[in-house]
Amino acid sequence: MPAPQVASIDFAPPADVSSGDCELSVALEGGGGSTFRVATFDRAEAWMDSAQSKAWWSEPILFVASLDRETVRAAVDAMAAEMGGYWLRYYHRRKT
């Protein structure tokens, strides 16, 4: 299966870099795409603290070093290239 080509990424709503996480919409060339959460590595600890829990889980999240557009785009491009885009399909979550 050929790897999908990423047409664009959009932070939805626009990323608040200080929060460390946001929704990301990915549009693919030729149509289609997905929306999923992207977060910095420290967010899991913050979510556990907030829940007063020693464990935390949720839908798949793309973890990145920072929420800047360049870093997130490189991570999404890597997801598209890896295993014919398997990870973009795995993380697929469209808002309804």
N, C-alpha and C. Protein backbone atom coordinates (compact mmCIF):
# COMPACT_ATOMS: atom_id res chain seq x y z
N MET A 1 0.85 -1.17 0.00
CA MET A 1 0.00 0.00 0.00
C MET A 1 0.90 1.24 0.00
N PRO A 2 0.67 2.17 -0.92
CA PRO A 2 1.51 3.37 -0.95
C PRO A 2 1.22 4.26 0.26
N ALA A 3 2.25 4.92 0.71
CA ALA A 3 2.11 5.82 1.86
C ALA A 3 1.25 7.02 1.49
N PRO A 4 0.34 7.44 2.37
CA PRO A 4 -0.45 8.63 2.10
C PRO A 4 0.44 9.87 2.15
N GLN A 5 0.07 10.88 1.41
CA GLN A 5 0.80 12.15 1.40
C GLN A 5 0.00 13.16 2.22
N VAL A 6 0.65 13.79 3.17
CA VAL A 6 0.00 14.76 4.04
C VAL A 6 -0.12 16.08 3.29
N ALA A 7 -1.35 16.57 3.15
CA ALA A 7 -1.59 17.85 2.49
C ALA A 7 -1.42 19.00 3.46
N SER A 8 -1.96 18.83 4.68
CA SER A 8 -1.86 19.91 5.66
C SER A 8 -2.12 19.38 7.06
N ILE A 9 -1.66 20.15 8.03
CA ILE A 9 -2.00 19.90 9.43
C ILE A 9 -2.56 21.19 10.00
N ASP A 10 -3.54 21.08 10.86
CA ASP A 10 -4.14 22.24 11.50
C ASP A 10 -4.40 21.92 12.95
N PHE A 11 -3.95 22.82 13.83
CA PHE A 11 -4.25 22.69 15.24
C PHE A 11 -5.70 23.13 15.43
N ALA A 12 -6.50 22.29 16.06
CA ALA A 12 -7.93 22.58 16.18
C ALA A 12 -8.37 22.46 17.62
N PRO A 13 -8.67 23.48 18.33
CA PRO A 13 -8.48 24.88 17.96
C PRO A 13 -6.99 25.20 17.92
N PRO A 14 -6.64 26.42 17.52
CA PRO A 14 -5.21 26.74 17.46
C PRO A 14 -4.49 26.35 18.74
N ALA A 15 -3.30 25.80 18.60
CA ALA A 15 -2.55 25.27 19.74
C ALA A 15 -2.21 26.36 20.74
N ASP A 16 -2.40 26.03 22.01
CA ASP A 16 -1.91 26.85 23.11
C ASP A 16 -0.64 26.15 23.58
N VAL A 17 0.49 26.63 23.11
CA VAL A 17 1.76 25.96 23.37
C VAL A 17 1.99 25.77 24.87
N SER A 18 1.47 26.66 25.69
CA SER A 18 1.69 26.55 27.13
C SER A 18 0.92 25.39 27.74
N SER A 19 -0.15 24.92 27.09
CA SER A 19 -0.95 23.83 27.66
C SER A 19 -0.31 22.47 27.42
N GLY A 20 0.46 22.33 26.35
CA GLY A 20 1.15 21.07 26.08
C GLY A 20 0.34 20.03 25.35
N ASP A 21 -0.93 20.33 24.98
CA ASP A 21 -1.69 19.38 24.18
C ASP A 21 -2.80 20.08 23.43
N CYS A 22 -3.22 19.48 22.31
CA CYS A 22 -4.32 20.02 21.53
C CYS A 22 -4.78 18.96 20.53
N GLU A 23 -5.89 19.23 19.88
CA GLU A 23 -6.38 18.38 18.80
C GLU A 23 -5.65 18.77 17.52
N LEU A 24 -5.36 17.80 16.69
CA LEU A 24 -4.68 18.04 15.43
C LEU A 24 -5.51 17.44 14.31
N SER A 25 -5.80 18.23 13.29
CA SER A 25 -6.49 17.73 12.11
C SER A 25 -5.47 17.56 11.00
N VAL A 26 -5.47 16.39 10.39
CA VAL A 26 -4.54 16.07 9.31
C VAL A 26 -5.36 15.83 8.04
N ALA A 27 -5.08 16.59 6.99
CA ALA A 27 -5.73 16.39 5.70
C ALA A 27 -4.73 15.69 4.78
N LEU A 28 -5.22 14.69 4.04
CA LEU A 28 -4.38 13.94 3.12
C LEU A 28 -4.66 14.35 1.69
N GLU A 29 -3.61 14.32 0.85
CA GLU A 29 -3.80 14.59 -0.56
C GLU A 29 -4.75 13.55 -1.13
N GLY A 30 -5.65 13.97 -1.98
CA GLY A 30 -6.62 13.06 -2.56
C GLY A 30 -7.84 12.86 -1.68
N GLY A 31 -7.91 13.57 -0.57
CA GLY A 31 -9.07 13.47 0.32
C GLY A 31 -8.79 12.62 1.54
N GLY A 32 -9.68 12.73 2.48
CA GLY A 32 -9.54 11.98 3.72
C GLY A 32 -8.62 12.67 4.70
N GLY A 33 -8.55 12.08 5.86
CA GLY A 33 -7.72 12.64 6.91
C GLY A 33 -8.17 12.13 8.25
N SER A 34 -7.65 12.71 9.30
CA SER A 34 -8.03 12.31 10.64
C SER A 34 -7.77 13.43 11.62
N THR A 35 -8.34 13.28 12.79
CA THR A 35 -8.16 14.21 13.89
C THR A 35 -7.79 13.40 15.12
N PHE A 36 -6.75 13.82 15.81
CA PHE A 36 -6.33 13.13 17.02
C PHE A 36 -5.57 14.11 17.91
N ARG A 37 -5.32 13.69 19.14
CA ARG A 37 -4.64 14.54 20.10
C ARG A 37 -3.12 14.43 19.91
N VAL A 38 -2.47 15.58 20.05
CA VAL A 38 -1.01 15.66 20.04
C VAL A 38 -0.61 16.34 21.34
N ALA A 39 0.45 15.84 21.98
CA ALA A 39 0.83 16.36 23.30
C ALA A 39 2.33 16.27 23.51
N THR A 40 2.81 17.10 24.41
CA THR A 40 4.21 17.00 24.82
C THR A 40 4.32 15.91 25.88
N PHE A 41 5.53 15.41 26.07
CA PHE A 41 5.75 14.26 26.93
C PHE A 41 5.32 14.48 28.38
N ASP A 42 5.38 15.70 28.86
CA ASP A 42 5.04 15.97 30.26
C ASP A 42 3.54 15.91 30.55
N ARG A 43 2.71 15.87 29.53
CA ARG A 43 1.26 15.89 29.74
C ARG A 43 0.75 14.65 30.46
N ALA A 44 1.32 13.48 30.19
CA ALA A 44 0.83 12.26 30.85
C ALA A 44 0.94 12.40 32.37
N GLU A 45 2.04 12.94 32.84
CA GLU A 45 2.19 13.14 34.29
C GLU A 45 1.16 14.13 34.81
N ALA A 46 0.93 15.21 34.07
CA ALA A 46 -0.06 16.20 34.49
C ALA A 46 -1.46 15.59 34.52
N TRP A 47 -1.80 14.74 33.53
CA TRP A 47 -3.11 14.10 33.51
C TRP A 47 -3.27 13.15 34.69
N MET A 48 -2.19 12.42 35.04
CA MET A 48 -2.27 11.53 36.21
C MET A 48 -2.43 12.33 37.49
N ASP A 49 -1.69 13.42 37.62
CA ASP A 49 -1.83 14.28 38.80
C ASP A 49 -3.26 14.81 38.90
N SER A 50 -3.81 15.26 37.80
CA SER A 50 -5.17 15.80 37.78
C SER A 50 -6.20 14.75 38.20
N ALA A 51 -5.98 13.52 37.76
CA ALA A 51 -6.90 12.44 38.09
C ALA A 51 -6.58 11.80 39.44
N GLN A 52 -5.52 12.27 40.07
CA GLN A 52 -5.04 11.70 41.33
C GLN A 52 -4.89 10.19 41.20
N SER A 53 -4.17 9.80 40.16
CA SER A 53 -3.99 8.39 39.82
C SER A 53 -2.53 8.10 39.53
N LYS A 54 -2.13 6.86 39.72
CA LYS A 54 -0.77 6.44 39.38
C LYS A 54 -0.71 5.83 37.99
N ALA A 55 -1.84 5.87 37.27
CA ALA A 55 -1.90 5.37 35.90
C ALA A 55 -2.83 6.27 35.10
N TRP A 56 -2.62 6.27 33.79
CA TRP A 56 -3.49 7.07 32.92
C TRP A 56 -3.50 6.44 31.54
N TRP A 57 -4.64 6.43 30.89
CA TRP A 57 -4.75 5.91 29.53
C TRP A 57 -5.86 6.67 28.82
N SER A 58 -5.81 6.58 27.50
CA SER A 58 -6.84 7.24 26.67
C SER A 58 -6.69 6.74 25.25
N GLU A 59 -7.37 7.41 24.35
CA GLU A 59 -7.21 7.12 22.93
C GLU A 59 -5.75 7.38 22.55
N PRO A 60 -5.30 6.88 21.42
CA PRO A 60 -3.91 7.11 21.02
C PRO A 60 -3.58 8.60 20.93
N ILE A 61 -2.39 8.94 21.35
CA ILE A 61 -1.90 10.32 21.33
C ILE A 61 -0.54 10.34 20.65
N LEU A 62 -0.32 11.32 19.84
CA LEU A 62 0.99 11.53 19.23
C LEU A 62 1.79 12.41 20.19
N PHE A 63 2.85 11.86 20.77
CA PHE A 63 3.70 12.63 21.66
C PHE A 63 4.85 13.25 20.87
N VAL A 64 5.10 14.53 21.14
CA VAL A 64 6.15 15.27 20.46
C VAL A 64 6.95 16.07 21.49
N ALA A 65 8.16 16.48 21.11
CA ALA A 65 9.01 17.26 22.02
C ALA A 65 8.43 18.65 22.26
N SER A 66 7.80 19.23 21.23
CA SER A 66 7.18 20.55 21.38
C SER A 66 6.03 20.68 20.39
N LEU A 67 5.13 21.60 20.67
CA LEU A 67 3.94 21.77 19.82
C LEU A 67 4.15 22.75 18.68
N ASP A 68 5.38 23.05 18.32
CA ASP A 68 5.56 23.95 17.19
C ASP A 68 5.22 23.22 15.89
N ARG A 69 4.79 23.98 14.91
CA ARG A 69 4.31 23.42 13.64
C ARG A 69 5.35 22.53 12.96
N GLU A 70 6.62 22.93 12.98
CA GLU A 70 7.66 22.16 12.31
C GLU A 70 7.83 20.78 12.95
N THR A 71 7.86 20.71 14.26
CA THR A 71 8.04 19.43 14.95
C THR A 71 6.84 18.52 14.73
N VAL A 72 5.64 19.08 14.85
CA VAL A 72 4.42 18.28 14.67
C VAL A 72 4.32 17.80 13.23
N ARG A 73 4.62 18.65 12.26
CA ARG A 73 4.56 18.24 10.85
C ARG A 73 5.55 17.11 10.57
N ALA A 74 6.75 17.19 11.12
CA ALA A 74 7.75 16.12 10.92
C ALA A 74 7.24 14.81 11.51
N ALA A 75 6.60 14.87 12.67
CA ALA A 75 6.06 13.66 13.29
C ALA A 75 4.93 13.06 12.45
N VAL A 76 4.04 13.90 11.93
CA VAL A 76 2.93 13.42 11.11
C VAL A 76 3.46 12.85 9.79
N ASP A 77 4.44 13.50 9.19
CA ASP A 77 5.05 12.97 7.96
C ASP A 77 5.67 11.59 8.23
N ALA A 78 6.30 11.43 9.39
CA ALA A 78 6.88 10.13 9.75
C ALA A 78 5.78 9.08 9.91
N MET A 79 4.64 9.48 10.50
CA MET A 79 3.51 8.56 10.64
C MET A 79 3.00 8.12 9.27
N ALA A 80 2.97 9.06 8.32
CA ALA A 80 2.48 8.75 6.97
C ALA A 80 3.44 7.81 6.25
N ALA A 81 4.73 7.98 6.47
CA ALA A 81 5.74 7.18 5.76
C ALA A 81 5.90 5.78 6.35
N GLU A 82 5.67 5.64 7.63
CA GLU A 82 5.90 4.37 8.31
C GLU A 82 4.82 3.35 7.94
N MET A 83 5.25 2.23 7.46
CA MET A 83 4.35 1.10 7.19
C MET A 83 3.14 1.49 6.34
N GLY A 84 3.37 2.26 5.28
CA GLY A 84 2.29 2.63 4.37
C GLY A 84 1.21 3.49 5.01
N GLY A 85 1.58 4.26 6.03
CA GLY A 85 0.60 5.13 6.69
C GLY A 85 -0.19 4.45 7.79
N TYR A 86 0.26 3.28 8.22
CA TYR A 86 -0.46 2.52 9.26
C TYR A 86 -0.80 3.39 10.46
N TRP A 87 0.17 4.17 10.94
CA TRP A 87 -0.05 4.94 12.17
C TRP A 87 -1.09 6.02 11.99
N LEU A 88 -1.17 6.64 10.81
CA LEU A 88 -2.24 7.63 10.61
C LEU A 88 -3.61 6.96 10.63
N ARG A 89 -3.70 5.77 10.07
CA ARG A 89 -4.98 5.05 10.13
C ARG A 89 -5.28 4.61 11.56
N TYR A 90 -4.27 4.17 12.29
CA TYR A 90 -4.46 3.71 13.67
C TYR A 90 -4.93 4.85 14.56
N TYR A 91 -4.35 6.03 14.36
CA TYR A 91 -4.70 7.19 15.18
C TYR A 91 -5.98 7.87 14.69
N HIS A 92 -6.54 7.39 13.60
CA HIS A 92 -7.70 8.04 12.98
C HIS A 92 -8.85 8.19 13.97
N ARG A 93 -9.29 9.43 14.15
CA ARG A 93 -10.45 9.71 14.97
C ARG A 93 -11.05 11.00 14.42
N ARG A 94 -12.10 10.87 13.68
CA ARG A 94 -12.77 12.03 13.11
C ARG A 94 -13.81 12.54 14.08
N LYS A 95 -13.86 13.85 14.26
CA LYS A 95 -14.92 14.42 15.07
C LYS A 95 -16.21 14.37 14.28
N THR A 96 -17.31 14.13 14.98
CA THR A 96 -18.61 14.09 14.29
C THR A 96 -19.42 15.31 14.61
